[in-house]
N, C-alpha and C. Protein backbone atom coordinates (compact mmCIF):
# COMPACT_ATOMS: atom_id res chain seq x y z
N MET A 1 0.74 -1.13 0.10
CA MET A 1 -0.05 -0.08 -0.10
C MET A 1 1.06 1.16 -0.07
N ARG A 2 0.47 2.09 -0.97
CA ARG A 2 1.46 3.46 -1.21
C ARG A 2 1.10 4.16 0.13
N LYS A 3 2.04 5.15 0.67
CA LYS A 3 1.90 6.20 1.61
C LYS A 3 1.49 7.59 0.53
N LYS A 4 0.45 8.18 1.27
CA LYS A 4 0.01 9.13 0.68
C LYS A 4 1.31 10.18 0.90
N ILE A 5 1.10 11.11 -0.46
CA ILE A 5 2.32 12.18 -0.28
C ILE A 5 1.68 13.34 0.30
N LYS A 6 2.45 13.97 1.47
CA LYS A 6 2.09 14.95 1.80
C LYS A 6 2.80 16.50 1.52
N LYS A 7 2.25 17.47 1.96
CA LYS A 7 2.60 18.82 1.30
C LYS A 7 3.83 19.14 2.05
N ASP A 8 4.48 18.39 3.08
CA ASP A 8 5.61 18.80 3.74
C ASP A 8 6.64 17.80 3.36
N ASP A 9 6.32 16.82 2.62
CA ASP A 9 7.34 15.57 2.19
C ASP A 9 8.36 16.52 1.14
N ASN A 10 9.43 15.89 1.10
CA ASN A 10 10.44 16.76 0.40
C ASN A 10 10.46 15.92 -0.93
N PHE A 11 10.25 16.86 -2.04
CA PHE A 11 9.79 16.23 -3.41
C PHE A 11 11.10 15.73 -4.05
N LEU A 12 12.29 15.88 -3.51
CA LEU A 12 13.35 15.26 -3.97
C LEU A 12 13.93 14.03 -3.53
N GLU A 13 12.68 13.69 -2.51
CA GLU A 13 13.04 12.19 -2.06
C GLU A 13 12.14 11.13 -2.72
N LEU A 14 11.16 11.87 -3.49
CA LEU A 14 10.27 11.07 -4.29
C LEU A 14 10.71 10.17 -5.35
N ILE A 15 9.98 9.05 -5.48
CA ILE A 15 10.38 8.39 -6.60
C ILE A 15 9.43 8.30 -7.82
N PRO A 16 9.72 8.49 -8.91
CA PRO A 16 8.62 8.60 -10.13
C PRO A 16 8.45 6.93 -10.70
N LYS A 17 7.32 6.90 -11.03
CA LYS A 17 6.94 5.45 -11.38
C LYS A 17 6.04 5.58 -12.71
N LYS A 18 6.28 5.06 -13.82
CA LYS A 18 5.56 5.10 -14.80
C LYS A 18 3.94 4.33 -14.68
N ASN A 19 3.08 5.13 -15.39
CA ASN A 19 1.73 4.54 -15.23
C ASN A 19 2.00 3.17 -16.36
N PRO A 20 1.35 1.84 -15.85
CA PRO A 20 1.41 1.01 -17.19
C PRO A 20 0.25 1.23 -17.89
N ASN A 21 -0.85 2.01 -17.66
CA ASN A 21 -1.59 1.91 -18.81
C ASN A 21 -1.40 2.47 -20.11
N TYR A 22 -0.04 3.28 -20.11
CA TYR A 22 0.24 4.02 -21.30
C TYR A 22 1.46 3.18 -22.00
N GLN A 23 1.61 3.28 -23.17
CA GLN A 23 2.54 2.68 -23.94
C GLN A 23 3.85 3.67 -24.28
N TRP A 24 4.91 3.42 -24.30
CA TRP A 24 6.03 4.37 -24.16
C TRP A 24 6.86 3.70 -25.24
N ILE A 25 6.93 4.15 -26.38
CA ILE A 25 8.15 3.73 -27.64
C ILE A 25 9.28 4.60 -27.76
N GLU A 26 10.28 4.04 -28.15
CA GLU A 26 11.47 4.91 -28.33
C GLU A 26 11.60 4.71 -30.03
N LYS A 27 11.92 5.96 -30.15
CA LYS A 27 11.73 6.03 -31.94
C LYS A 27 13.49 5.95 -32.04
N GLU A 28 13.73 5.91 -33.60
CA GLU A 28 15.22 5.62 -34.02
C GLU A 28 15.91 6.62 -33.34
N ASP A 29 15.55 7.89 -33.64
CA ASP A 29 16.65 9.03 -32.91
C ASP A 29 16.69 9.00 -31.28
N GLY A 30 16.32 8.04 -30.63
CA GLY A 30 16.49 7.83 -29.33
C GLY A 30 15.44 8.48 -28.40
N LEU A 31 14.55 9.75 -28.80
CA LEU A 31 13.53 9.94 -28.38
C LEU A 31 12.67 9.27 -28.26
N LEU A 32 11.59 9.48 -26.98
CA LEU A 32 10.35 8.64 -26.79
C LEU A 32 9.29 9.40 -27.00
N GLN A 33 8.18 8.27 -27.13
CA GLN A 33 6.74 8.96 -27.49
C GLN A 33 5.72 8.42 -26.57
N ILE A 34 4.77 9.09 -26.07
CA ILE A 34 3.95 8.24 -25.19
C ILE A 34 2.52 8.35 -25.92
N ILE A 35 2.11 7.09 -26.19
CA ILE A 35 0.89 6.63 -26.87
C ILE A 35 -0.29 6.86 -25.79
N VAL A 36 -1.25 7.58 -26.17
CA VAL A 36 -2.28 7.81 -25.27
C VAL A 36 -3.41 7.51 -25.75
N PRO A 37 -4.33 6.70 -25.31
CA PRO A 37 -5.40 5.93 -25.97
C PRO A 37 -6.41 6.98 -25.54
N ARG A 38 -7.54 6.99 -26.63
CA ARG A 38 -8.63 7.42 -26.53
C ARG A 38 -9.87 6.89 -26.31
N ASP A 39 -10.07 6.06 -25.24
CA ASP A 39 -11.29 5.07 -24.89
C ASP A 39 -12.17 5.41 -24.24
N ARG A 40 -12.49 6.62 -23.49
CA ARG A 40 -13.51 7.21 -22.81
C ARG A 40 -14.99 7.34 -23.56
N LEU A 41 -15.79 7.12 -22.99
CA LEU A 41 -17.33 7.65 -24.06
C LEU A 41 -17.14 8.88 -24.77
N LEU A 42 -16.74 9.92 -24.02
CA LEU A 42 -16.61 11.13 -24.92
C LEU A 42 -15.47 10.81 -26.32
N ASP A 43 -14.72 10.27 -25.91
CA ASP A 43 -13.58 10.21 -26.94
C ASP A 43 -14.27 9.20 -28.09
N LYS A 44 -14.87 7.85 -27.61
CA LYS A 44 -15.58 7.27 -28.69
C LYS A 44 -16.53 8.15 -29.89
N VAL A 45 -17.37 9.19 -29.00
CA VAL A 45 -18.40 9.62 -29.77
C VAL A 45 -17.78 10.70 -30.66
N VAL A 46 -16.60 11.22 -30.12
CA VAL A 46 -15.74 12.43 -31.18
C VAL A 46 -15.42 11.51 -32.17
N ARG A 47 -14.60 10.21 -32.00
CA ARG A 47 -14.09 9.44 -33.02
C ARG A 47 -14.91 9.38 -33.93
N VAL A 48 -15.96 9.06 -33.95
CA VAL A 48 -17.09 8.69 -34.62
C VAL A 48 -17.64 10.19 -35.62
N ILE A 49 -17.86 10.91 -34.72
CA ILE A 49 -18.26 12.25 -35.64
C ILE A 49 -17.13 13.07 -36.32
N PHE A 50 -16.08 12.93 -35.96
CA PHE A 50 -14.94 13.70 -36.63
C PHE A 50 -13.73 12.95 -37.00
N LYS A 51 -14.18 11.59 -36.94
CA LYS A 51 -13.21 10.75 -37.64
C LYS A 51 -11.59 11.05 -37.16
N THR A 52 -11.52 10.95 -35.93
CA THR A 52 -10.37 11.14 -34.94
C THR A 52 -9.65 9.61 -34.61
N SER A 53 -8.34 9.62 -34.56
CA SER A 53 -7.69 8.30 -34.36
C SER A 53 -8.01 8.01 -32.79
N ARG A 54 -7.79 6.39 -32.85
CA ARG A 54 -8.23 5.86 -31.53
C ARG A 54 -7.13 6.30 -30.47
N GLN A 55 -6.01 6.78 -30.90
CA GLN A 55 -5.01 7.26 -29.80
C GLN A 55 -4.45 8.48 -30.29
N PHE A 56 -3.62 9.15 -29.36
CA PHE A 56 -2.70 10.46 -29.82
C PHE A 56 -1.52 10.28 -29.35
N THR A 57 -0.52 10.84 -29.95
CA THR A 57 1.14 10.77 -29.29
C THR A 57 1.48 11.98 -28.94
N ILE A 58 2.14 11.62 -27.69
CA ILE A 58 3.18 12.89 -27.13
C ILE A 58 4.60 12.90 -27.42
N HIS A 59 5.67 13.67 -28.04
CA HIS A 59 6.59 13.58 -28.41
C HIS A 59 7.65 13.91 -27.29
N ALA A 60 8.31 13.83 -26.90
CA ALA A 60 9.37 13.96 -25.66
C ALA A 60 10.31 14.62 -26.56
N ASP A 61 11.01 15.94 -25.97
CA ASP A 61 12.13 16.25 -26.44
C ASP A 61 13.56 15.37 -25.78
N SER A 62 14.84 15.58 -25.96
CA SER A 62 15.86 14.78 -25.33
C SER A 62 15.52 14.89 -23.62
N PHE A 63 15.77 16.19 -23.42
CA PHE A 63 15.43 16.09 -21.87
C PHE A 63 14.42 15.45 -21.29
N GLY A 64 13.00 15.10 -21.64
CA GLY A 64 12.05 14.64 -21.19
C GLY A 64 12.17 13.10 -21.66
N SER A 65 12.73 12.81 -22.94
CA SER A 65 13.24 11.58 -23.34
C SER A 65 14.04 10.60 -22.31
N PHE A 66 14.98 11.67 -21.86
CA PHE A 66 15.94 10.94 -20.95
C PHE A 66 15.74 10.85 -19.41
N VAL A 67 14.63 11.71 -19.37
CA VAL A 67 13.86 11.47 -17.62
C VAL A 67 12.99 10.29 -17.68
N LEU A 68 12.29 9.98 -19.15
CA LEU A 68 11.34 9.21 -19.18
C LEU A 68 11.98 7.38 -18.99
N LYS A 69 12.85 7.78 -20.01
CA LYS A 69 13.89 6.46 -20.22
C LYS A 69 14.47 5.79 -18.54
N ASN A 70 14.60 6.51 -17.51
CA ASN A 70 15.23 6.68 -16.50
C ASN A 70 14.35 6.23 -15.18
N ILE A 71 13.09 6.51 -15.53
CA ILE A 71 11.82 6.51 -14.28
C ILE A 71 11.88 4.75 -14.33
N ASN A 72 11.46 4.30 -13.01
CA ASN A 72 11.11 2.92 -12.88
C ASN A 72 12.34 2.05 -12.30
N VAL A 73 13.65 2.96 -12.15
CA VAL A 73 14.68 2.03 -11.63
C VAL A 73 15.16 2.66 -10.35
N GLU A 74 13.99 2.67 -9.44
CA GLU A 74 14.19 3.19 -8.26
C GLU A 74 15.02 4.61 -7.87
N ARG A 75 14.86 5.39 -8.90
CA ARG A 75 15.94 6.82 -8.46
C ARG A 75 14.82 7.48 -8.27
N ASN A 76 15.49 8.41 -7.03
CA ASN A 76 14.48 9.87 -6.65
C ASN A 76 14.80 10.89 -7.45
N VAL A 77 13.85 11.83 -7.04
CA VAL A 77 14.13 13.16 -7.79
C VAL A 77 15.71 13.63 -7.94
N GLU A 78 16.03 13.45 -6.71
CA GLU A 78 17.61 14.23 -6.29
C GLU A 78 18.49 13.50 -7.23
N GLU A 79 18.08 12.05 -7.11
CA GLU A 79 19.24 11.32 -8.23
C GLU A 79 19.31 11.91 -9.53
N PHE A 80 17.99 12.31 -10.01
CA PHE A 80 17.63 12.61 -11.22
C PHE A 80 18.50 13.83 -11.79
N VAL A 81 18.46 14.97 -10.60
CA VAL A 81 19.01 16.10 -10.72
C VAL A 81 20.71 15.83 -11.11
N ILE A 82 21.03 14.78 -10.47
CA ILE A 82 22.42 14.61 -10.65
C ILE A 82 22.99 13.88 -12.02
N ILE A 83 22.33 12.85 -12.46
CA ILE A 83 22.20 12.40 -13.80
C ILE A 83 22.11 13.27 -14.68
N LEU A 84 21.02 14.36 -14.69
CA LEU A 84 20.85 15.18 -15.72
C LEU A 84 21.77 16.14 -15.82
N ARG A 85 22.50 16.77 -14.79
CA ARG A 85 23.62 17.65 -14.61
C ARG A 85 24.77 17.21 -15.19
N LYS A 86 24.95 15.74 -15.20
CA LYS A 86 26.05 14.94 -15.76
C LYS A 86 25.96 15.04 -17.41
N LYS A 87 24.65 14.56 -17.61
CA LYS A 87 24.14 14.45 -19.12
C LYS A 87 24.47 15.76 -19.69
N PHE A 88 23.73 16.87 -19.45
CA PHE A 88 23.38 17.90 -19.96
C PHE A 88 24.04 19.27 -19.71
N GLY A 89 24.55 19.29 -18.65
CA GLY A 89 25.61 20.47 -18.06
C GLY A 89 24.64 21.51 -18.07
N ASP A 90 25.26 22.88 -18.50
CA ASP A 90 24.80 24.25 -18.19
C ASP A 90 23.21 24.03 -19.15
N GLU A 91 23.33 23.28 -20.10
CA GLU A 91 22.23 23.93 -21.09
C GLU A 91 20.88 23.46 -20.54
N ILE A 92 20.91 22.65 -19.18
CA ILE A 92 19.51 22.26 -18.93
C ILE A 92 19.15 23.04 -17.65
N GLU A 93 19.86 24.06 -17.32
CA GLU A 93 19.36 25.03 -16.41
C GLU A 93 18.25 25.87 -17.05
N PRO A 94 17.12 26.50 -15.93
CA PRO A 94 17.24 26.01 -14.38
C PRO A 94 16.61 24.61 -14.35
N LEU A 95 17.63 23.74 -13.80
CA LEU A 95 17.21 22.41 -13.71
C LEU A 95 16.31 21.93 -12.70
N TYR A 96 16.45 22.48 -11.42
CA TYR A 96 15.14 22.34 -10.81
C TYR A 96 13.97 22.30 -10.80
N LYS A 97 13.93 23.76 -11.40
CA LYS A 97 12.55 24.12 -12.05
C LYS A 97 11.76 23.31 -13.03
N ARG A 98 12.77 22.97 -14.32
CA ARG A 98 12.43 22.22 -15.44
C ARG A 98 11.89 20.76 -14.87
N LEU A 99 12.88 20.16 -14.17
CA LEU A 99 12.69 18.67 -13.85
C LEU A 99 11.14 18.63 -12.77
N VAL A 100 11.00 19.55 -11.73
CA VAL A 100 9.85 19.74 -10.91
C VAL A 100 8.66 19.70 -11.79
N THR A 101 8.73 20.89 -12.70
CA THR A 101 7.40 21.15 -13.51
C THR A 101 7.39 20.01 -14.53
N PHE A 102 8.21 19.49 -14.81
CA PHE A 102 8.15 18.12 -16.09
C PHE A 102 7.43 16.98 -15.35
N LEU A 103 8.01 16.72 -14.24
CA LEU A 103 7.40 16.00 -13.26
C LEU A 103 5.85 16.02 -12.79
N ASN A 104 5.75 16.98 -12.64
CA ASN A 104 4.23 17.30 -12.00
C ASN A 104 3.44 17.50 -13.12
N THR A 105 3.73 17.74 -14.25
CA THR A 105 2.79 17.81 -15.74
C THR A 105 2.50 16.29 -15.84
N LEU A 106 3.65 15.56 -15.93
CA LEU A 106 3.49 14.05 -16.07
C LEU A 106 2.59 13.32 -15.07
N ARG A 107 2.52 13.68 -13.86
CA ARG A 107 1.66 13.43 -12.65
C ARG A 107 0.33 13.83 -12.94
N ASP A 108 0.32 15.05 -12.95
CA ASP A 108 -1.12 15.64 -13.35
C ASP A 108 -1.96 15.06 -14.42
N ASN A 109 -1.13 14.37 -15.46
CA ASN A 109 -1.99 13.73 -16.60
C ASN A 109 -1.83 12.59 -16.39
N LYS A 110 -1.35 12.07 -15.13
CA LYS A 110 -1.56 10.30 -14.76
C LYS A 110 -0.52 9.64 -15.41
N PHE A 111 0.70 10.26 -16.21
CA PHE A 111 1.55 9.27 -17.06
C PHE A 111 2.48 8.87 -15.93
N ILE A 112 2.67 9.52 -14.98
CA ILE A 112 3.58 8.79 -13.42
C ILE A 112 2.77 8.95 -12.38
N THR A 113 3.34 8.20 -11.53
CA THR A 113 2.77 8.58 -9.89
C THR A 113 4.13 8.87 -9.09
N LEU A 114 4.41 9.58 -8.28
CA LEU A 114 5.16 10.06 -7.57
C LEU A 114 5.17 9.36 -6.12
N GLU A 115 6.02 8.65 -5.57
CA GLU A 115 6.34 7.59 -4.52
C GLU A 115 7.05 8.04 -3.71
N LYS A 116 6.71 7.95 -2.25
CA LYS A 116 7.85 7.75 -0.98
C LYS A 116 8.68 6.51 -1.18
N ALA A 117 9.93 6.58 -0.97
CA ALA A 117 10.48 5.55 -0.93
C ALA A 117 10.66 4.46 0.16
N GLY A 118 10.40 3.20 -0.26
CA GLY A 118 10.33 2.13 0.44
C GLY A 118 8.43 1.86 0.35
N ASP A 119 8.05 2.42 -0.59
CA ASP A 119 6.25 1.58 -0.81
C ASP A 119 6.33 1.01 -1.48
């Protein structure tokens, strides 16, 4: 059972985990895509009316792809900071703001969860 994350928990100690309900595809250039199914009732109605596809694809840049590839290996956010700094150097700055924003966006869209260590 996962422990609920509290407001006063240290964000840097949280561990991102991919949501298994989404497909993650690595392209030939090494960048990742997240395949998002459109399978809710409203999605099905829209698909019939507007002839849209059953899924849509989100394309990650090199920063996002690197983070996504390294999720699910029991790395907390602080460890991501260290490896991102080694990989991208100064071009990644402001690193903390970018990483926190990216992880929160992924979490808000249910692509990942953030868990406490040991959960």
